[in-house]
Amino acid sequence: MKSIEIAKLAGVSRSTVSRVINNYSNVPEKTRQKVMAVINEHNYMPNSFARTLAGKNSNTIGLFFIIRGGQEDGNRLFRNDYFASYLDIIVDMANAKDYYVLVSIVSNEDKYLKINQAFLEKRIDAGIIIGTQNDTLTRINAQNYNTSMILFDYDMSKEEAKKYENTNFTIINSKDNLGIEKAVDYLYNLGHKEIGFIKGGETSRSAIVRFNGFKETMKRKNLYVNEDYLLEGDFSTDTAYSKVKSAIKNNKLATAYISANDYMAFGAIKAFKEAGYTVPGDISIVGFDNTHRAQESDLKLTTIGPNFYEMAKKAISVLDDQINGENIRSQLEIFEYDVEFFERDTCKKV
């Protein structure tokens, strides 16, 4: 199929198709989406990328970070220790194997279209997606690409697993539920019975698994899950700060909190300190992710750490084998890695 045929099917000019393919900014969003829909439907590949059909690779891996919300000021990725941890390790390991890494932040529909284009135009040999949301695979039309893809932190439903069972997809997760279990056990052994949880929302695997792990462990220990101690932090420092301020105002506080990530834990600590509470003197707090801030702040955070290094190492190893034809397969694979508990300065016996 040629670009002129794509143009006819989309009801636009050939030059418009070219502008869409080359990411020109002077294309109305509605037109861009219409053209991309036709391109996706017919798996159109521009001639400039047809060389890959001859077996030539681009030696490029796409690294896509799904970041929803927040100000697009050019610093979001580097302000996020969780994503930055993966970025450093993946780029280093990929470069060591002579791969380039195309890094992109995906924050809106237009950016999802750019993922589509990168796969469709064969600009990348494989993709790694971090921060995967419940709808990510649908939004990037993942089933249309015969390309190796790594998904970090993704819980695939049985229906999805059946849909993607014959793909070169690999899911790499950390055992977040076991990390939360370690945190609850730790606080329980310190004498805490009233334990709260600062949640991360409901659109990602990590948020759901961590909260479910909390509820299940509390139940196993016959500890009451008090709704007043469950705070919606949305993985945001500012949101957690605001929710904790409200809990303080309403005088509905647990003696200890587990936060679904370190950022929310620090937001909570700030709110408690401003209200005259001490951490860990009055309130104990456990985070999750073992970010640089958790390790380096004046008040070092007790937290749970995923094994970023081994997870990233597995991702590059899998993609390298598949790109070079050493592990050719067409089936979904899932790997899970243990987490580690880091006892530091934010918890105390009661």
Foldseek 3Di string as FASTA:
>chain_A
DDLCVLCVVLVHHSVLLVCLLVVPPPHPPVSSVSSLVSCLVVLDADPVLCVVVVVDALLEEEEEEEDEDDDPPPCPQVVDLLNVLLVVQLCVVSVVVVGHYHYDYDYDLVSLSVLLSCQSNNNHQEYEYEPDWPCSCVSNVVLSGQHAYEYEQADDDPVVQVSQFQHNYEYEYAQLLVFLLVVVVVQVVLPFQFEAEAAQDDTTNLRVSNVVSNVVSCVVVVGDHDPLRYHHQNPALQSLLVRLLVSVVVVNYGQEYEYSAVSSQVSNCVNCVVVPHHFPVRHFYEHEAPGPCLCDPPQRHWYKHGPSNVRSVVVSVSNVCCSVVNDDGGGYYYHYHYIGTGDGGGHHHD
